[in-house]
Protein backbone atom coordinates (compact mmCIF):
# COMPACT_ATOMS: atom_id res chain seq x y z
CA MET A 1 -7.56 -26.22 -4.09
CA ILE A 2 -3.98 -27.79 -4.28
CA ILE A 3 -3.79 -31.60 -4.10
CA CYS A 4 -0.29 -33.22 -3.87
CA ILE A 5 0.06 -36.93 -4.51
CA VAL A 6 3.40 -38.28 -3.24
CA GLY A 7 4.90 -41.65 -2.29
CA PRO A 8 7.62 -43.98 -3.53
CA THR A 9 8.18 -44.95 -7.23
CA ALA A 10 5.86 -47.50 -8.72
CA VAL A 11 3.01 -47.08 -6.33
CA GLY A 12 0.39 -45.68 -8.59
CA LYS A 13 0.89 -41.93 -8.22
CA THR A 14 0.23 -41.15 -11.97
CA LYS A 15 -2.90 -43.15 -12.23
CA LEU A 16 -4.50 -41.40 -9.06
CA SER A 17 -3.47 -37.97 -10.59
CA ILE A 18 -5.37 -38.46 -13.47
CA GLU A 19 -8.41 -39.87 -11.97
CA LEU A 20 -8.54 -36.96 -9.49
CA ALA A 21 -7.79 -34.37 -12.24
CA LYS A 22 -11.01 -35.70 -13.94
CA LYS A 23 -13.17 -35.63 -10.73
CA TYR A 24 -11.89 -31.95 -9.79
CA LYS A 25 -11.36 -30.60 -13.22
CA ALA A 26 -7.85 -30.00 -12.25
CA ILE A 27 -4.46 -29.40 -13.99
CA VAL A 28 -1.51 -31.75 -13.26
CA VAL A 29 1.96 -30.36 -12.22
CA ASN A 30 4.93 -32.51 -12.53
CA CYS A 31 6.73 -32.87 -9.15
CA ASP A 32 9.56 -35.38 -10.18
CA SER A 33 13.08 -34.12 -10.80
CA THR A 34 13.74 -36.49 -14.00
CA GLN A 35 10.34 -36.01 -15.76
CA VAL A 36 11.13 -32.31 -16.56
CA TYR A 37 13.69 -33.66 -19.11
CA LYS A 38 12.92 -34.24 -22.82
CA GLY A 39 13.41 -37.72 -24.11
CA MET A 40 13.79 -39.39 -20.76
CA ASN A 41 10.45 -41.10 -20.90
CA VAL A 42 10.65 -44.87 -20.48
CA GLY A 43 13.23 -44.66 -17.66
CA THR A 44 11.30 -42.10 -15.69
CA ALA A 45 7.98 -43.89 -16.38
CA LYS A 46 6.69 -40.39 -17.75
CA VAL A 47 2.98 -40.05 -18.19
CA THR A 48 2.06 -40.67 -21.90
CA GLU A 49 -0.10 -38.50 -24.12
CA GLU A 50 -2.77 -41.28 -24.08
CA GLU A 51 -2.57 -41.37 -20.25
CA LYS A 52 -3.11 -37.76 -19.91
CA GLU A 53 -6.62 -38.08 -21.43
CA GLY A 54 -6.63 -34.42 -22.65
CA ILE A 55 -5.78 -33.00 -19.12
CA PRO A 56 -3.39 -30.15 -19.03
CA HIS A 57 0.03 -31.28 -17.75
CA TYR A 58 2.62 -28.75 -16.69
CA LEU A 59 6.46 -29.08 -16.28
CA PHE A 60 6.99 -32.21 -18.09
CA ASP A 61 9.55 -32.28 -21.08
CA ILE A 62 10.70 -28.45 -20.46
CA VAL A 63 14.22 -28.67 -20.77
CA ASP A 64 17.07 -30.85 -22.72
CA PRO A 65 19.02 -33.45 -20.59
CA ASP A 66 22.29 -31.47 -21.07
CA TYR A 67 20.70 -28.50 -19.08
CA ASN A 68 21.30 -28.46 -15.20
CA TYR A 69 17.73 -27.97 -14.14
CA THR A 70 18.03 -27.16 -10.29
CA VAL A 71 15.29 -27.09 -7.52
CA TYR A 72 15.70 -23.48 -7.67
CA ASP A 73 14.41 -23.30 -11.23
CA TYR A 74 11.68 -25.81 -10.18
CA GLN A 75 10.39 -23.37 -7.44
CA GLN A 76 10.27 -20.48 -9.92
CA ASP A 77 8.43 -22.43 -12.77
CA ALA A 78 6.05 -24.23 -10.25
CA ARG A 79 4.96 -21.07 -8.31
CA LYS A 80 4.39 -19.19 -11.50
CA ILE A 81 1.93 -22.04 -12.59
CA ILE A 82 0.36 -21.99 -9.29
CA GLU A 83 -0.12 -18.18 -9.55
CA GLU A 84 -1.41 -18.18 -12.92
CA ASN A 85 -4.23 -20.81 -12.20
CA LYS A 86 -5.27 -19.60 -8.75
CA GLY A 87 -8.84 -20.03 -9.86
CA ARG A 88 -8.35 -23.56 -10.77
CA ASN A 89 -7.76 -26.92 -8.88
CA ILE A 90 -4.15 -27.97 -9.13
CA ILE A 91 -2.59 -31.41 -8.58
CA LEU A 92 1.09 -31.75 -7.90
CA VAL A 93 2.34 -35.29 -8.50
CA GLY A 94 5.70 -36.89 -8.12
CA GLY A 95 8.10 -38.39 -5.73
CA THR A 96 10.89 -35.45 -5.45
CA GLY A 97 9.97 -34.25 -1.96
CA LEU A 98 12.51 -31.36 -2.10
CA TYR A 99 10.76 -30.01 -5.19
CA LEU A 100 7.36 -30.19 -3.55
CA LYS A 101 8.61 -28.26 -0.42
CA ALA A 102 10.42 -26.01 -2.37
CA ALA A 103 7.41 -24.97 -4.33
CA LEU A 104 4.83 -24.64 -1.22
CA TYR A 105 7.03 -23.70 1.65
CA ASN A 106 8.99 -20.73 2.47
CA TYR A 107 12.17 -21.99 1.10
CA GLU A 108 14.49 -19.22 -0.12
CA PHE A 109 17.39 -20.28 -2.64
CA SER A 110 20.28 -18.81 -4.24
CA GLU A 111 20.94 -19.57 -7.86
CA GLU A 112 23.53 -22.11 -8.54
CA THR A 113 27.06 -20.80 -8.53
CA ASN A 114 30.03 -21.53 -10.72
CA GLU A 115 32.71 -23.90 -9.35
CA ASN A 116 34.43 -22.26 -6.24
CA GLN A 117 38.05 -21.88 -6.42
CA GLU A 118 38.41 -23.05 -2.87
CA TYR A 119 37.11 -26.68 -3.77
CA ASN A 120 40.03 -26.88 -6.26
CA GLU A 121 42.47 -26.89 -3.24
CA LEU A 122 40.57 -29.72 -1.38
CA SER A 123 41.38 -33.55 -1.78
CA ASN A 124 38.73 -36.05 -2.79
CA GLU A 125 38.45 -37.21 0.66
CA GLU A 126 37.90 -33.68 2.14
CA LEU A 127 35.26 -32.85 -0.59
CA TYR A 128 33.48 -36.23 0.22
CA ALA A 129 33.29 -35.22 3.92
CA LEU A 130 31.90 -31.64 3.12
CA ALA A 131 29.33 -33.30 0.97
CA LEU A 132 28.19 -35.71 3.72
CA LYS A 133 28.27 -32.92 5.99
CA LYS A 134 25.76 -31.00 3.62
CA ASP A 135 23.41 -34.14 3.28
CA SER A 136 24.14 -37.32 4.98
CA ASN A 137 22.06 -39.23 2.42
CA MET A 138 24.24 -38.16 -0.32
CA ASN A 139 25.30 -40.88 -2.41
CA ILE A 140 28.06 -39.67 -4.70
CA HIS A 141 31.46 -41.69 -5.02
CA GLN A 142 34.24 -40.37 -3.34
CA ASN A 143 36.22 -40.39 -6.34
CA ASN A 144 33.93 -38.58 -8.72
CA ARG A 145 35.32 -35.09 -7.89
CA LYS A 146 33.42 -33.27 -10.47
CA ARG A 147 29.96 -34.40 -9.06
CA LEU A 148 31.17 -33.58 -5.46
CA ILE A 149 32.01 -30.01 -6.62
CA ARG A 150 28.79 -29.52 -8.38
CA PHE A 151 26.91 -30.89 -5.43
CA LEU A 152 28.68 -28.52 -3.14
CA ASN A 153 27.99 -25.57 -5.35
CA LYS A 154 24.33 -26.59 -5.62
CA GLU A 155 21.65 -24.04 -4.32
CA ASN A 156 21.50 -23.76 -0.67
CA ILE A 157 18.40 -23.48 1.40
CA LYS A 158 18.40 -20.48 3.65
CA GLN A 159 17.71 -22.07 7.07
CA ALA A 160 14.74 -20.43 8.70
CA GLU A 161 11.52 -21.51 10.49
CA CYS A 162 9.85 -23.54 7.80
CA TYR A 163 6.24 -23.16 6.96
CA PRO A 164 3.82 -23.72 3.92
CA ILE A 165 3.01 -20.60 1.96
CA TYR A 166 0.26 -22.39 0.12
CA ASP A 167 -2.87 -24.46 1.64
CA ALA A 168 -2.69 -27.91 0.10
CA ILE A 169 -3.84 -31.52 0.95
CA TYR A 170 -1.11 -33.93 0.95
CA ILE A 171 -1.94 -37.71 0.07
CA GLY A 172 0.79 -40.38 0.24
CA LEU A 173 0.19 -43.63 -1.41
CA THR A 174 1.95 -46.72 0.35
CA THR A 175 1.94 -50.44 0.35
CA ASP A 176 3.78 -53.28 2.09
CA ARG A 177 7.53 -53.49 1.31
CA LYS A 178 7.11 -56.79 -0.43
CA THR A 179 4.35 -55.51 -2.88
CA LEU A 180 6.26 -52.38 -3.47
CA TYR A 181 9.44 -54.23 -4.29
CA ASP A 182 7.64 -56.74 -6.44
CA ARG A 183 6.18 -53.71 -8.55
CA ILE A 184 9.66 -52.07 -8.91
CA ASN A 185 11.26 -55.28 -10.31
CA GLU A 186 8.15 -55.87 -12.54
CA ARG A 187 8.24 -52.27 -13.77
CA ALA A 188 11.82 -52.47 -14.71
CA ASP A 189 11.39 -55.66 -16.55
CA ILE A 190 8.65 -54.05 -18.50
CA MET A 191 11.03 -50.84 -19.25
CA PHE A 192 13.70 -53.17 -20.61
CA LYS A 193 11.14 -54.86 -22.85
CA SER A 194 10.07 -51.39 -24.06
CA ARG A 195 12.48 -48.77 -25.53
CA LEU A 196 14.53 -48.30 -22.48
CA LEU A 197 17.90 -49.48 -24.22
CA GLU A 198 17.13 -47.70 -27.18
CA GLU A 199 16.31 -44.51 -25.31
CA VAL A 200 19.38 -44.55 -23.13
CA LYS A 201 21.81 -45.57 -26.19
CA GLU A 202 20.71 -42.57 -28.09
CA PHE A 203 21.82 -40.14 -25.34
CA HIS A 204 25.15 -42.40 -24.95
CA ASP A 205 25.90 -42.31 -28.59
CA LYS A 206 25.30 -38.56 -28.47
CA LYS A 207 27.79 -38.42 -25.64
CA VAL A 208 25.17 -36.52 -23.29
CA ASP A 209 27.21 -36.24 -20.06
CA SER A 210 25.09 -34.23 -17.71
CA LYS A 211 23.54 -34.28 -14.16
CA ALA A 212 20.28 -35.81 -15.38
CA ILE A 213 21.77 -38.71 -17.09
CA ASN A 214 24.47 -39.31 -14.30
CA THR A 215 21.96 -39.57 -11.73
CA ALA A 216 18.86 -40.92 -13.03
CA ILE A 217 17.96 -44.54 -12.16
CA GLY A 218 17.70 -46.54 -15.41
CA TYR A 219 20.27 -44.22 -17.19
CA LYS A 220 23.34 -44.16 -15.07
CA GLU A 221 23.33 -48.11 -15.00
CA LEU A 222 23.06 -48.44 -18.80
CA TYR A 223 25.60 -46.01 -19.47
CA LYS A 224 27.88 -48.19 -17.48
CA TYR A 225 26.63 -50.94 -19.75
CA PHE A 226 27.21 -49.25 -23.08
CA SER A 227 30.69 -48.27 -21.77
CA HIS A 228 31.49 -51.96 -21.18
CA GLU A 229 31.99 -51.55 -17.58
CA ILE A 230 29.29 -54.03 -16.57
CA SER A 231 26.88 -56.73 -18.32
CA LEU A 232 23.48 -56.07 -19.25
CA GLU A 233 22.31 -58.64 -16.56
CA GLU A 234 24.50 -56.45 -13.99
CA ALA A 235 22.71 -53.16 -15.24
CA ILE A 236 19.26 -54.75 -14.98
CA ASP A 237 19.98 -55.91 -11.53
CA LEU A 238 21.37 -52.45 -10.57
CA VAL A 239 18.45 -50.59 -11.89
CA LYS A 240 16.31 -52.84 -9.71
CA LYS A 241 18.50 -52.42 -6.54
CA ASN A 242 18.76 -48.88 -6.83
CA SER A 243 15.27 -48.22 -7.49
CA ARG A 244 14.37 -50.13 -4.35
CA HIS A 245 17.00 -48.16 -2.29
CA TYR A 246 15.39 -45.07 -3.82
CA ALA A 247 11.92 -46.05 -2.69
CA LYS A 248 13.18 -46.48 0.91
CA ARG A 249 14.76 -43.08 0.78
CA GLN A 250 11.40 -41.45 -0.57
CA TYR A 251 9.32 -42.96 2.28
CA THR A 252 12.02 -41.71 4.75
CA TRP A 253 12.00 -38.10 3.60
CA PHE A 254 8.14 -37.85 3.33
CA LYS A 255 7.69 -39.13 6.60
CA ASN A 256 10.12 -36.78 8.42
CA GLN A 257 9.42 -33.70 6.29
CA MET A 258 5.83 -33.21 5.59
CA ASP A 259 2.43 -34.03 7.33
CA ILE A 260 1.05 -36.53 4.85
CA ASP A 261 -2.24 -38.76 4.90
CA TRP A 262 -1.09 -42.17 3.91
CA LEU A 263 -3.46 -44.45 1.89
CA GLU A 264 -2.87 -48.23 1.34
CA VAL A 265 -3.20 -48.61 -2.43
CA ASP A 266 -5.50 -51.57 -3.41
CA PHE A 267 -3.74 -52.85 -6.56
CA ASN A 268 -6.39 -55.30 -7.21
CA ASN A 269 -9.18 -52.48 -7.43
CA PHE A 270 -7.44 -49.47 -7.61
CA ASP A 271 -11.17 -47.61 -7.70
CA ASN A 272 -10.92 -48.41 -3.90
CA THR A 273 -7.76 -46.06 -3.95
CA ILE A 274 -9.44 -43.48 -5.76
CA ASN A 275 -12.61 -43.41 -3.83
CA LYS A 276 -10.37 -43.25 -0.51
CA ALA A 277 -8.43 -40.19 -1.81
CA ILE A 278 -11.85 -38.45 -2.64
CA GLU A 279 -13.24 -39.15 0.82
CA LEU A 280 -10.12 -37.76 2.26
CA ILE A 281 -10.12 -34.55 -0.05
CA GLU A 282 -13.74 -33.82 0.84
CA GLN A 283 -12.95 -34.44 4.54
CA LYS A 284 -10.06 -32.07 4.37
CA THR A 285 -11.98 -29.45 2.22
CA ASN A 286 -15.08 -29.59 4.91
CA GLU A 287 -12.53 -29.08 7.72
CA ASN A 288 -11.06 -25.86 6.26
CA LYS A 289 -14.32 -24.24 5.54
């Protein structure tokens, strides 16, 4: 049985994955594009060793932040784990929808190519227009030529009828906007009180300049702070703002791309959420018998 736990940032996905893994003696597979990177812990809210409670976790901390790990790489790695653990229950957890769909659906990718010479002949405005045509939700600045070319060269999905190649149960966690935004802001404050500044400064001091650092919320903003482009207060506000915007994009993607059963999270008594998830899983399992 494959169980997928999805939803926006700060909604309780990690906690639910641990409890369901204990219930179903399952392994947990990461489905978050930033948690694959070593050392990016606080800013990605990565599950800790204590939180794992001895449950096997896969695809966390597998590459260095200066490595360009792609959705194509994730597809290969995730499917390998699924195939090697066919006799076990598997829980995929995370907020990167494309990673999840790439792993479980019939997406075909070609590996990332080197920079095409044709792009070198285009202006920034032309590159930006092409990037928007490829993905209207793309948020790369028009003047960031390097990232625009990298984005345009990124692996392309071969368009075909999209269907799942694995049977899975999809559980989405949700809450009202005010509660979610409050939790996002609170979590950001906790991160800054923890080691987030120290964590990002280590990368900045080592001059790590990569896709992972330049796109991950909490890292790209603090890089601007350490480079004296913005104040710490501005960086904190940006982290919160960008996290809220990201949560909104996550909702939009999952609701438009996948058939998900959404559960309202009870943050006052999370056991109620766990029990709702178990009831849903049992119901779906019985329907498929």
